[in-house]
């Protein structure tokens, strides 16, 4: 795995001050967003946040992504830790296919059915770059902020000790209820 990486830079935000480092794996660029005290933490809080342009940037109400990202940024700013912004849009089917999946959801499919109908697996994400980021940043123990059992299993498979799991629970609305129910009932998310 040939991964390029940037230097560490400062990133002041509305949620607090952070340090950032970018990682490029093939054509995807990922980001490590660290609290300013990150290097002093033995078991940092960690959120592996999957990219969601429509949610994170546009504020889509069809998902809980922006709310989870903002929750993590505020939490990490206060408590210390790391957010890995994992750039694999739409469970790694890409933005164009994600919008096509949205259209299928508008016609009554759930997120899994839409991905399958488009010829994808229910989740196409590849977490290999996470291993590299953890090794680069010397992460051996974490307090993992997630609802996703796949992320829990992957982190454990790396030999990284999960000291605690913190749920990333956000508000349900009429647009994301079906999406969240599908994540819970079909994908085993811990909601």
N, C-alpha and C. Protein backbone atom coordinates (compact mmCIF):
# COMPACT_ATOMS: atom_id res chain seq x y z
N UNK A 1 0.85 -1.18 0.00
CA UNK A 1 0.00 0.00 0.00
C UNK A 1 0.89 1.24 0.00
N UNK A 2 0.82 2.02 -1.07
CA UNK A 2 1.63 3.21 -1.21
C UNK A 2 0.79 4.43 -0.84
N UNK A 3 1.00 4.94 0.36
CA UNK A 3 0.19 6.06 0.85
C UNK A 3 1.08 7.28 1.01
N UNK A 4 0.66 8.38 0.39
CA UNK A 4 1.35 9.65 0.58
C UNK A 4 0.73 10.34 1.79
N UNK A 5 1.53 11.15 2.46
CA UNK A 5 0.98 11.88 3.60
C UNK A 5 1.55 13.29 3.67
N UNK A 6 0.76 14.18 4.22
CA UNK A 6 1.15 15.58 4.35
C UNK A 6 1.88 15.80 5.67
N UNK A 7 2.32 17.01 5.83
CA UNK A 7 2.79 17.45 7.14
C UNK A 7 1.58 17.70 8.02
N UNK A 8 1.81 17.96 9.28
CA UNK A 8 0.72 18.33 10.21
C UNK A 8 0.58 19.85 10.19
N UNK A 9 -0.67 20.31 10.12
CA UNK A 9 -0.97 21.74 10.10
C UNK A 9 -2.03 22.07 11.15
N UNK A 10 -2.10 23.32 11.53
CA UNK A 10 -3.12 23.78 12.47
C UNK A 10 -4.43 24.02 11.73
N UNK A 11 -5.54 23.75 12.42
CA UNK A 11 -6.87 23.99 11.85
C UNK A 11 -7.79 24.56 12.92
N UNK A 12 -7.87 25.89 13.03
CA UNK A 12 -8.85 26.47 13.95
C UNK A 12 -10.24 26.39 13.29
N UNK A 13 -11.25 25.95 14.06
CA UNK A 13 -12.60 25.83 13.53
C UNK A 13 -13.60 26.44 14.51
N UNK A 14 -14.85 26.48 14.10
CA UNK A 14 -15.90 26.97 15.00
C UNK A 14 -16.11 26.01 16.17
N UNK A 15 -15.60 24.77 16.05
CA UNK A 15 -15.74 23.77 17.11
C UNK A 15 -14.54 23.72 18.04
N UNK A 16 -13.47 24.41 17.70
CA UNK A 16 -12.25 24.41 18.50
C UNK A 16 -11.03 24.34 17.61
N UNK A 17 -9.88 24.27 18.26
CA UNK A 17 -8.61 24.21 17.52
C UNK A 17 -8.18 22.76 17.38
N UNK A 18 -7.73 22.43 16.17
CA UNK A 18 -7.29 21.07 15.85
C UNK A 18 -5.98 21.12 15.09
N UNK A 19 -5.38 19.96 14.94
CA UNK A 19 -4.27 19.74 14.02
C UNK A 19 -4.78 18.76 12.97
N UNK A 20 -4.32 18.90 11.73
CA UNK A 20 -4.77 18.01 10.65
C UNK A 20 -3.57 17.43 9.91
N UNK A 21 -3.79 16.25 9.35
CA UNK A 21 -2.81 15.59 8.50
C UNK A 21 -3.58 14.84 7.43
N UNK A 22 -3.15 14.96 6.17
CA UNK A 22 -3.83 14.30 5.06
C UNK A 22 -3.06 13.07 4.62
N UNK A 23 -3.81 12.08 4.14
CA UNK A 23 -3.26 10.82 3.63
C UNK A 23 -3.89 10.56 2.28
N UNK A 24 -3.06 10.24 1.28
CA UNK A 24 -3.58 9.94 -0.06
C UNK A 24 -3.31 8.48 -0.39
N UNK A 25 -4.40 7.76 -0.63
CA UNK A 25 -4.36 6.34 -0.97
C UNK A 25 -5.02 6.20 -2.34
N UNK A 26 -4.23 5.92 -3.38
CA UNK A 26 -4.72 5.92 -4.75
C UNK A 26 -5.34 7.28 -5.05
N UNK A 27 -6.61 7.34 -5.41
CA UNK A 27 -7.23 8.63 -5.72
C UNK A 27 -8.04 9.20 -4.57
N UNK A 28 -8.03 8.54 -3.43
CA UNK A 28 -8.81 9.03 -2.30
C UNK A 28 -7.89 9.69 -1.27
N UNK A 29 -8.32 10.84 -0.78
CA UNK A 29 -7.56 11.57 0.21
C UNK A 29 -8.36 11.62 1.51
N UNK A 30 -7.74 11.18 2.57
CA UNK A 30 -8.37 11.07 3.88
C UNK A 30 -7.72 12.08 4.82
N UNK A 31 -8.38 12.35 5.92
CA UNK A 31 -7.89 13.38 6.83
C UNK A 31 -7.91 12.89 8.27
N UNK A 32 -6.83 13.13 8.98
CA UNK A 32 -6.78 12.92 10.43
C UNK A 32 -6.94 14.29 11.07
N UNK A 33 -7.98 14.43 11.88
CA UNK A 33 -8.28 15.68 12.58
C UNK A 33 -8.03 15.41 14.06
N UNK A 34 -6.98 16.02 14.62
CA UNK A 34 -6.53 15.70 15.97
C UNK A 34 -6.73 16.88 16.91
N UNK A 35 -7.07 16.58 18.16
CA UNK A 35 -7.09 17.62 19.17
C UNK A 35 -5.64 18.09 19.37
N UNK A 36 -5.47 19.29 19.88
CA UNK A 36 -4.12 19.83 20.04
C UNK A 36 -3.28 19.02 21.02
N UNK A 37 -3.93 18.28 21.93
CA UNK A 37 -3.20 17.47 22.91
C UNK A 37 -3.13 15.99 22.50
N UNK A 38 -3.47 15.67 21.27
CA UNK A 38 -3.60 14.29 20.81
C UNK A 38 -2.37 13.44 21.13
N UNK A 39 -1.19 13.97 20.85
CA UNK A 39 0.03 13.17 21.02
C UNK A 39 0.29 12.78 22.48
N UNK A 40 -0.36 13.41 23.42
CA UNK A 40 -0.17 13.09 24.84
C UNK A 40 -1.19 12.08 25.37
N UNK A 41 -2.13 11.65 24.53
CA UNK A 41 -3.22 10.79 24.99
C UNK A 41 -2.88 9.31 24.78
N UNK A 42 -2.99 8.53 25.84
CA UNK A 42 -2.71 7.09 25.74
C UNK A 42 -3.84 6.34 25.04
N UNK A 43 -5.09 6.71 25.35
CA UNK A 43 -6.25 6.07 24.73
C UNK A 43 -7.21 7.18 24.28
N UNK A 44 -6.93 7.76 23.11
CA UNK A 44 -7.75 8.89 22.65
C UNK A 44 -9.15 8.45 22.24
N UNK A 45 -10.08 9.39 22.31
CA UNK A 45 -11.38 9.20 21.69
C UNK A 45 -11.15 9.23 20.19
N UNK A 46 -11.77 8.30 19.47
CA UNK A 46 -11.56 8.22 18.02
C UNK A 46 -12.91 8.03 17.33
N UNK A 47 -13.12 8.81 16.28
CA UNK A 47 -14.29 8.65 15.41
C UNK A 47 -13.77 8.43 14.00
N UNK A 48 -14.16 7.33 13.38
CA UNK A 48 -13.89 7.10 11.96
C UNK A 48 -15.16 7.55 11.24
N UNK A 49 -15.08 8.72 10.63
CA UNK A 49 -16.27 9.32 10.02
C UNK A 49 -16.23 9.12 8.52
N UNK A 50 -17.22 8.43 7.99
CA UNK A 50 -17.30 8.19 6.56
C UNK A 50 -17.85 9.42 5.85
N UNK A 51 -17.15 9.83 4.81
CA UNK A 51 -17.52 11.02 4.05
C UNK A 51 -18.97 10.97 3.59
N UNK A 52 -19.64 12.12 3.68
CA UNK A 52 -21.01 12.26 3.20
C UNK A 52 -21.18 13.71 2.75
N UNK A 53 -20.87 13.99 1.50
CA UNK A 53 -20.95 15.37 1.00
C UNK A 53 -22.34 15.96 1.21
N UNK A 54 -23.37 15.20 0.89
CA UNK A 54 -24.73 15.73 0.99
C UNK A 54 -25.10 16.04 2.44
N UNK A 55 -24.64 15.24 3.37
CA UNK A 55 -24.92 15.49 4.78
C UNK A 55 -23.94 16.46 5.41
N UNK A 56 -22.64 16.14 5.31
CA UNK A 56 -21.61 16.94 5.98
C UNK A 56 -21.57 18.37 5.49
N UNK A 57 -21.72 18.58 4.19
CA UNK A 57 -21.57 19.91 3.61
C UNK A 57 -22.90 20.60 3.35
N UNK A 58 -23.85 19.85 2.78
CA UNK A 58 -25.12 20.47 2.39
C UNK A 58 -26.20 20.39 3.47
N UNK A 59 -25.94 19.62 4.52
CA UNK A 59 -26.90 19.53 5.61
C UNK A 59 -28.11 18.67 5.30
N UNK A 60 -27.94 17.65 4.44
CA UNK A 60 -29.06 16.77 4.11
C UNK A 60 -29.71 16.21 5.37
N UNK A 61 -31.03 16.17 5.36
CA UNK A 61 -31.77 15.59 6.47
C UNK A 61 -32.06 14.11 6.24
N UNK A 62 -31.62 13.55 5.09
CA UNK A 62 -31.86 12.14 4.78
C UNK A 62 -30.97 11.21 5.61
N UNK A 63 -29.96 11.77 6.27
CA UNK A 63 -29.03 10.95 7.05
C UNK A 63 -28.71 11.67 8.36
N UNK A 64 -27.84 11.07 9.15
CA UNK A 64 -27.42 11.68 10.41
C UNK A 64 -25.94 12.06 10.37
N UNK A 65 -25.36 12.11 9.18
CA UNK A 65 -23.91 12.28 9.03
C UNK A 65 -23.39 13.62 9.57
N UNK A 66 -23.99 14.72 9.15
CA UNK A 66 -23.52 16.02 9.62
C UNK A 66 -23.64 16.12 11.14
N UNK A 67 -24.75 15.64 11.67
CA UNK A 67 -24.93 15.69 13.13
C UNK A 67 -23.87 14.86 13.85
N UNK A 68 -23.54 13.68 13.30
CA UNK A 68 -22.51 12.85 13.91
C UNK A 68 -21.14 13.51 13.82
N UNK A 69 -20.83 14.13 12.68
CA UNK A 69 -19.54 14.80 12.53
C UNK A 69 -19.42 15.97 13.50
N UNK A 70 -20.45 16.79 13.58
CA UNK A 70 -20.40 17.94 14.49
C UNK A 70 -20.34 17.49 15.94
N UNK A 71 -21.07 16.45 16.29
CA UNK A 71 -21.00 15.88 17.63
C UNK A 71 -19.57 15.46 17.95
N UNK A 72 -18.93 14.77 17.01
CA UNK A 72 -17.56 14.30 17.22
C UNK A 72 -16.57 15.47 17.30
N UNK A 73 -16.71 16.47 16.45
CA UNK A 73 -15.80 17.62 16.49
C UNK A 73 -15.89 18.35 17.83
N UNK A 74 -17.09 18.58 18.29
CA UNK A 74 -17.27 19.26 19.58
C UNK A 74 -16.70 18.41 20.72
N UNK A 75 -16.98 17.11 20.68
CA UNK A 75 -16.54 16.19 21.73
C UNK A 75 -15.01 16.09 21.75
N UNK A 76 -14.40 15.88 20.59
CA UNK A 76 -12.94 15.74 20.49
C UNK A 76 -12.25 17.04 20.90
N UNK A 77 -12.84 18.16 20.55
CA UNK A 77 -12.28 19.46 20.93
C UNK A 77 -12.18 19.58 22.44
N UNK A 78 -13.20 19.10 23.15
CA UNK A 78 -13.21 19.20 24.62
C UNK A 78 -12.45 18.08 25.30
N UNK A 79 -12.63 16.84 24.82
CA UNK A 79 -12.11 15.67 25.52
C UNK A 79 -10.77 15.17 24.98
N UNK A 80 -10.41 15.58 23.79
CA UNK A 80 -9.16 15.14 23.17
C UNK A 80 -9.34 13.88 22.35
N UNK A 81 -8.67 13.82 21.21
CA UNK A 81 -8.75 12.62 20.41
C UNK A 81 -8.55 12.89 18.94
N UNK A 82 -9.17 12.04 18.12
CA UNK A 82 -8.91 11.99 16.70
C UNK A 82 -10.19 11.67 15.93
N UNK A 83 -10.39 12.38 14.83
CA UNK A 83 -11.43 12.03 13.87
C UNK A 83 -10.72 11.68 12.58
N UNK A 84 -10.98 10.51 12.06
CA UNK A 84 -10.47 10.15 10.74
C UNK A 84 -11.61 10.40 9.76
N UNK A 85 -11.39 11.37 8.87
CA UNK A 85 -12.40 11.66 7.85
C UNK A 85 -12.09 10.75 6.68
N UNK A 86 -12.85 9.67 6.59
CA UNK A 86 -12.64 8.56 5.67
C UNK A 86 -13.39 8.87 4.38
N UNK A 87 -12.66 9.25 3.34
CA UNK A 87 -13.27 9.77 2.12
C UNK A 87 -13.67 8.66 1.18
N UNK A 88 -14.77 8.02 1.50
CA UNK A 88 -15.33 6.99 0.63
C UNK A 88 -16.84 7.25 0.53
N UNK A 89 -17.16 8.25 -0.27
CA UNK A 89 -18.53 8.76 -0.41
C UNK A 89 -19.54 7.65 -0.70
N UNK A 90 -20.68 7.74 -0.01
CA UNK A 90 -21.79 6.82 -0.26
C UNK A 90 -21.43 5.37 -0.04
N UNK A 91 -20.77 5.09 1.08
CA UNK A 91 -20.28 3.74 1.38
C UNK A 91 -19.37 3.24 0.25
N UNK A 92 -18.65 4.20 -0.33
CA UNK A 92 -17.64 3.99 -1.37
C UNK A 92 -18.22 3.62 -2.73
N UNK A 93 -19.42 4.10 -3.03
CA UNK A 93 -19.95 3.93 -4.40
C UNK A 93 -19.80 5.21 -5.21
N UNK A 94 -19.35 6.28 -4.58
CA UNK A 94 -19.13 7.54 -5.27
C UNK A 94 -20.38 8.42 -5.27
N UNK A 95 -20.15 9.69 -5.51
CA UNK A 95 -21.22 10.67 -5.43
C UNK A 95 -22.30 10.45 -6.50
N UNK A 96 -21.89 10.20 -7.74
CA UNK A 96 -22.87 9.99 -8.81
C UNK A 96 -23.79 8.81 -8.47
N UNK A 97 -23.21 7.70 -8.06
CA UNK A 97 -24.02 6.53 -7.70
C UNK A 97 -24.83 6.76 -6.43
N UNK A 98 -24.31 7.57 -5.52
CA UNK A 98 -25.06 7.88 -4.31
C UNK A 98 -26.34 8.65 -4.67
N UNK A 99 -26.22 9.59 -5.59
CA UNK A 99 -27.41 10.34 -6.01
C UNK A 99 -28.39 9.40 -6.72
N UNK A 100 -27.88 8.47 -7.51
CA UNK A 100 -28.76 7.46 -8.12
C UNK A 100 -29.43 6.61 -7.05
N UNK A 101 -28.69 6.28 -5.99
CA UNK A 101 -29.27 5.52 -4.88
C UNK A 101 -30.35 6.36 -4.17
N UNK A 102 -30.11 7.66 -4.03
CA UNK A 102 -31.12 8.55 -3.45
C UNK A 102 -32.41 8.48 -4.27
N UNK A 103 -32.28 8.50 -5.60
CA UNK A 103 -33.47 8.44 -6.47
C UNK A 103 -34.23 7.13 -6.24
N UNK A 104 -33.50 6.03 -6.09
CA UNK A 104 -34.15 4.75 -5.80
C UNK A 104 -34.81 4.77 -4.42
N UNK A 105 -34.18 5.44 -3.47
CA UNK A 105 -34.78 5.58 -2.14
C UNK A 105 -36.05 6.42 -2.21
N UNK A 106 -36.03 7.45 -3.05
CA UNK A 106 -37.24 8.26 -3.25
C UNK A 106 -38.38 7.41 -3.80
N UNK A 107 -38.03 6.34 -4.51
CA UNK A 107 -39.04 5.43 -5.09
C UNK A 107 -39.39 4.29 -4.14
N UNK A 108 -38.86 4.33 -2.90
CA UNK A 108 -39.27 3.35 -1.90
C UNK A 108 -38.23 2.34 -1.45
N UNK A 109 -37.06 2.30 -2.09
CA UNK A 109 -36.03 1.36 -1.65
C UNK A 109 -35.35 1.87 -0.38
N UNK A 110 -34.81 0.96 0.41
CA UNK A 110 -33.95 1.40 1.51
C UNK A 110 -32.53 1.53 0.97
N UNK A 111 -31.59 1.96 1.78
CA UNK A 111 -30.23 2.21 1.30
C UNK A 111 -29.56 0.93 0.80
N UNK A 112 -29.82 -0.17 1.44
CA UNK A 112 -29.22 -1.44 1.01
C UNK A 112 -29.81 -1.87 -0.33
N UNK A 113 -31.12 -1.86 -0.45
CA UNK A 113 -31.78 -2.25 -1.69
C UNK A 113 -31.31 -1.38 -2.86
N UNK A 114 -31.16 -0.09 -2.60
CA UNK A 114 -30.71 0.83 -3.65
C UNK A 114 -29.30 0.47 -4.12
N UNK A 115 -28.39 0.24 -3.18
CA UNK A 115 -27.02 -0.12 -3.57
C UNK A 115 -27.00 -1.42 -4.36
N UNK A 116 -27.76 -2.41 -3.90
CA UNK A 116 -27.80 -3.71 -4.58
C UNK A 116 -28.37 -3.56 -5.99
N UNK A 117 -29.42 -2.76 -6.13
CA UNK A 117 -30.04 -2.56 -7.44
C UNK A 117 -29.08 -1.87 -8.41
N UNK A 118 -28.18 -1.06 -7.88
CA UNK A 118 -27.19 -0.39 -8.72
C UNK A 118 -25.98 -1.29 -9.03
N UNK A 119 -25.98 -2.50 -8.46
CA UNK A 119 -24.89 -3.44 -8.76
C UNK A 119 -23.76 -3.43 -7.75
N UNK A 120 -23.98 -2.83 -6.60
CA UNK A 120 -22.97 -2.78 -5.56
C UNK A 120 -23.35 -3.68 -4.40
N UNK A 121 -22.36 -3.92 -3.52
CA UNK A 121 -22.66 -4.57 -2.24
C UNK A 121 -23.34 -3.52 -1.36
N UNK A 122 -23.94 -3.97 -0.27
CA UNK A 122 -24.60 -3.00 0.61
C UNK A 122 -23.61 -1.98 1.16
N UNK A 123 -22.34 -2.35 1.28
CA UNK A 123 -21.31 -1.45 1.79
C UNK A 123 -20.01 -1.78 1.09
N UNK A 124 -19.50 -0.86 0.32
CA UNK A 124 -18.28 -1.06 -0.47
C UNK A 124 -17.03 -0.46 0.19
N UNK A 125 -17.16 0.04 1.41
CA UNK A 125 -16.02 0.71 2.04
C UNK A 125 -14.85 -0.24 2.27
N UNK A 126 -13.66 0.33 2.17
CA UNK A 126 -12.41 -0.37 2.41
C UNK A 126 -11.69 0.42 3.52
N UNK A 127 -11.38 -0.25 4.61
CA UNK A 127 -10.82 0.43 5.77
C UNK A 127 -9.29 0.32 5.87
N UNK A 128 -8.62 -0.17 4.82
CA UNK A 128 -7.17 -0.42 4.91
C UNK A 128 -6.37 0.83 5.30
N UNK A 129 -6.77 1.99 4.82
CA UNK A 129 -6.02 3.21 5.12
C UNK A 129 -6.07 3.53 6.62
N UNK A 130 -7.11 3.07 7.31
CA UNK A 130 -7.23 3.30 8.76
C UNK A 130 -6.05 2.68 9.48
N UNK A 131 -5.67 1.48 9.06
CA UNK A 131 -4.51 0.80 9.66
C UNK A 131 -3.27 1.68 9.54
N UNK A 132 -3.04 2.22 8.35
CA UNK A 132 -1.88 3.06 8.13
C UNK A 132 -1.92 4.32 9.02
N UNK A 133 -3.08 4.93 9.11
CA UNK A 133 -3.21 6.15 9.93
C UNK A 133 -2.96 5.82 11.40
N UNK A 134 -3.55 4.73 11.90
CA UNK A 134 -3.31 4.34 13.29
C UNK A 134 -1.82 4.09 13.54
N UNK A 135 -1.16 3.38 12.62
CA UNK A 135 0.27 3.11 12.79
C UNK A 135 1.08 4.40 12.75
N UNK A 136 0.77 5.27 11.79
CA UNK A 136 1.49 6.54 11.66
C UNK A 136 1.36 7.40 12.91
N UNK A 137 0.17 7.40 13.51
CA UNK A 137 -0.08 8.25 14.68
C UNK A 137 0.12 7.50 16.00
N UNK A 138 0.62 6.26 15.92
CA UNK A 138 0.92 5.43 17.11
C UNK A 138 -0.31 5.19 17.99
N UNK A 139 -1.44 4.90 17.35
CA UNK A 139 -2.67 4.63 18.09
C UNK A 139 -2.73 3.14 18.41
N UNK A 140 -2.74 2.81 19.70
CA UNK A 140 -2.79 1.41 20.14
C UNK A 140 -4.03 1.09 20.98
N UNK A 141 -4.60 2.12 21.62
CA UNK A 141 -5.81 1.99 22.43
C UNK A 141 -6.72 3.15 22.08
N UNK A 142 -8.04 2.87 22.03
CA UNK A 142 -8.98 3.93 21.69
C UNK A 142 -10.25 3.83 22.52
N UNK A 143 -10.92 4.94 22.60
CA UNK A 143 -12.31 5.01 23.05
C UNK A 143 -13.07 5.36 21.77
N UNK A 144 -13.70 4.36 21.17
CA UNK A 144 -14.25 4.47 19.82
C UNK A 144 -15.66 5.05 19.83
N UNK A 145 -15.84 6.13 19.08
CA UNK A 145 -17.14 6.78 18.94
C UNK A 145 -17.79 6.25 17.67
N UNK A 146 -18.70 5.28 17.84
CA UNK A 146 -19.34 4.68 16.67
C UNK A 146 -20.60 3.93 17.07
N UNK A 147 -21.44 3.71 16.06
CA UNK A 147 -22.60 2.82 16.20
C UNK A 147 -22.43 1.61 15.29
N UNK A 148 -21.38 1.60 14.47
CA UNK A 148 -21.20 0.64 13.40
C UNK A 148 -20.38 -0.57 13.85
N UNK A 149 -20.99 -1.75 13.90
CA UNK A 149 -20.25 -2.95 14.32
C UNK A 149 -19.10 -3.31 13.38
N UNK A 150 -19.21 -2.96 12.09
CA UNK A 150 -18.11 -3.23 11.16
C UNK A 150 -16.86 -2.44 11.54
N UNK A 151 -17.04 -1.21 11.95
CA UNK A 151 -15.89 -0.40 12.36
C UNK A 151 -15.29 -0.94 13.65
N UNK A 152 -16.13 -1.39 14.56
CA UNK A 152 -15.64 -2.00 15.80
C UNK A 152 -14.80 -3.24 15.47
N UNK A 153 -15.35 -4.11 14.62
CA UNK A 153 -14.65 -5.33 14.24
C UNK A 153 -13.33 -5.02 13.53
N UNK A 154 -13.33 -4.02 12.65
CA UNK A 154 -12.11 -3.70 11.93
C UNK A 154 -11.04 -3.18 12.88
N UNK A 155 -11.40 -2.27 13.75
CA UNK A 155 -10.41 -1.72 14.70
C UNK A 155 -9.84 -2.84 15.57
N UNK A 156 -10.70 -3.73 16.04
CA UNK A 156 -10.22 -4.87 16.84
C UNK A 156 -9.31 -5.78 16.03
N UNK A 157 -9.60 -5.96 14.74
CA UNK A 157 -8.78 -6.83 13.89
C UNK A 157 -7.37 -6.27 13.70
N UNK A 158 -7.19 -4.98 13.93
CA UNK A 158 -5.87 -4.35 13.82
C UNK A 158 -5.03 -4.56 15.07
N UNK A 159 -5.65 -5.14 16.11
CA UNK A 159 -4.94 -5.29 17.37
C UNK A 159 -4.98 -4.03 18.22
N UNK A 160 -5.82 -3.07 17.81
CA UNK A 160 -6.01 -1.85 18.59
C UNK A 160 -7.05 -2.15 19.65
N UNK A 161 -6.72 -1.85 20.88
CA UNK A 161 -7.62 -2.16 22.00
C UNK A 161 -8.69 -1.08 22.12
N UNK A 162 -9.95 -1.52 22.13
CA UNK A 162 -11.06 -0.59 22.34
C UNK A 162 -11.37 -0.60 23.83
N UNK A 163 -11.04 0.48 24.49
CA UNK A 163 -11.26 0.63 25.94
C UNK A 163 -12.74 0.85 26.24
N UNK A 164 -13.39 1.58 25.32
CA UNK A 164 -14.79 1.95 25.53
C UNK A 164 -15.40 2.27 24.17
N UNK A 165 -16.70 2.01 24.02
CA UNK A 165 -17.44 2.43 22.83
C UNK A 165 -18.42 3.51 23.25
N UNK A 166 -18.35 4.63 22.58
CA UNK A 166 -19.25 5.74 22.86
C UNK A 166 -20.24 5.82 21.70
N UNK A 167 -21.54 5.73 21.97
CA UNK A 167 -22.53 5.83 20.90
C UNK A 167 -22.52 7.22 20.26
N UNK A 168 -22.78 7.28 18.98
CA UNK A 168 -22.90 8.54 18.25
C UNK A 168 -24.37 8.70 17.88
N UNK A 169 -25.16 9.06 18.85
CA UNK A 169 -26.61 9.15 18.67
C UNK A 169 -27.00 10.59 18.39
N UNK A 170 -27.78 10.77 17.33
CA UNK A 170 -28.25 12.10 16.96
C UNK A 170 -29.76 12.07 16.78
N UNK A 171 -30.30 13.21 16.42
CA UNK A 171 -31.76 13.34 16.29
C UNK A 171 -32.31 12.58 15.09
N UNK A 172 -33.48 12.01 15.31
CA UNK A 172 -34.23 11.37 14.23
C UNK A 172 -35.21 12.41 13.70
N UNK A 173 -35.37 12.42 12.37
CA UNK A 173 -36.38 13.29 11.78
C UNK A 173 -37.17 12.49 10.74
N UNK A 174 -38.20 13.09 10.18
CA UNK A 174 -39.06 12.34 9.25
C UNK A 174 -38.33 11.93 7.98
N UNK A 175 -37.22 12.59 7.65
CA UNK A 175 -36.48 12.25 6.43
C UNK A 175 -35.44 11.15 6.65
N UNK A 176 -34.90 11.02 7.88
CA UNK A 176 -33.86 10.02 8.10
C UNK A 176 -34.32 8.81 8.90
N UNK A 177 -35.57 8.78 9.33
CA UNK A 177 -36.05 7.67 10.16
C UNK A 177 -35.90 6.32 9.45
N UNK A 178 -36.32 6.24 8.20
CA UNK A 178 -36.22 4.97 7.44
C UNK A 178 -34.75 4.56 7.27
N UNK A 179 -33.90 5.54 6.99
CA UNK A 179 -32.46 5.31 6.84
C UNK A 179 -31.86 4.75 8.14
N UNK A 180 -32.19 5.37 9.26
CA UNK A 180 -31.67 4.91 10.55
C UNK A 180 -32.24 3.55 10.93
N UNK A 181 -33.53 3.33 10.64
CA UNK A 181 -34.12 2.01 10.90
C UNK A 181 -33.41 0.93 10.09
N UNK A 182 -33.07 1.23 8.84
CA UNK A 182 -32.36 0.27 8.00
C UNK A 182 -30.98 -0.02 8.57
N UNK A 183 -30.27 1.03 9.00
CA UNK A 183 -28.94 0.82 9.60
C UNK A 183 -29.04 -0.07 10.84
N UNK A 184 -30.07 0.15 11.63
CA UNK A 184 -30.25 -0.63 12.86
C UNK A 184 -30.71 -2.05 12.56
N UNK A 185 -31.76 -2.19 11.78
CA UNK A 185 -32.40 -3.51 11.57
C UNK A 185 -31.66 -4.39 10.58
N UNK A 186 -31.05 -3.80 9.54
CA UNK A 186 -30.43 -4.60 8.48
C UNK A 186 -28.90 -4.66 8.58
N UNK A 187 -28.29 -3.64 9.20
CA UNK A 187 -26.83 -3.58 9.25
C UNK A 187 -26.29 -3.76 10.67
N UNK A 188 -27.19 -3.89 11.63
CA UNK A 188 -26.76 -4.16 13.00
C UNK A 188 -26.19 -2.97 13.75
N UNK A 189 -26.44 -1.76 13.25
CA UNK A 189 -25.91 -0.58 13.96
C UNK A 189 -26.49 -0.50 15.37
N UNK A 190 -25.68 -0.06 16.28
CA UNK A 190 -26.04 -0.03 17.70
C UNK A 190 -26.71 1.30 18.02
N UNK A 191 -27.95 1.43 17.59
CA UNK A 191 -28.71 2.68 17.81
C UNK A 191 -29.69 2.53 18.94
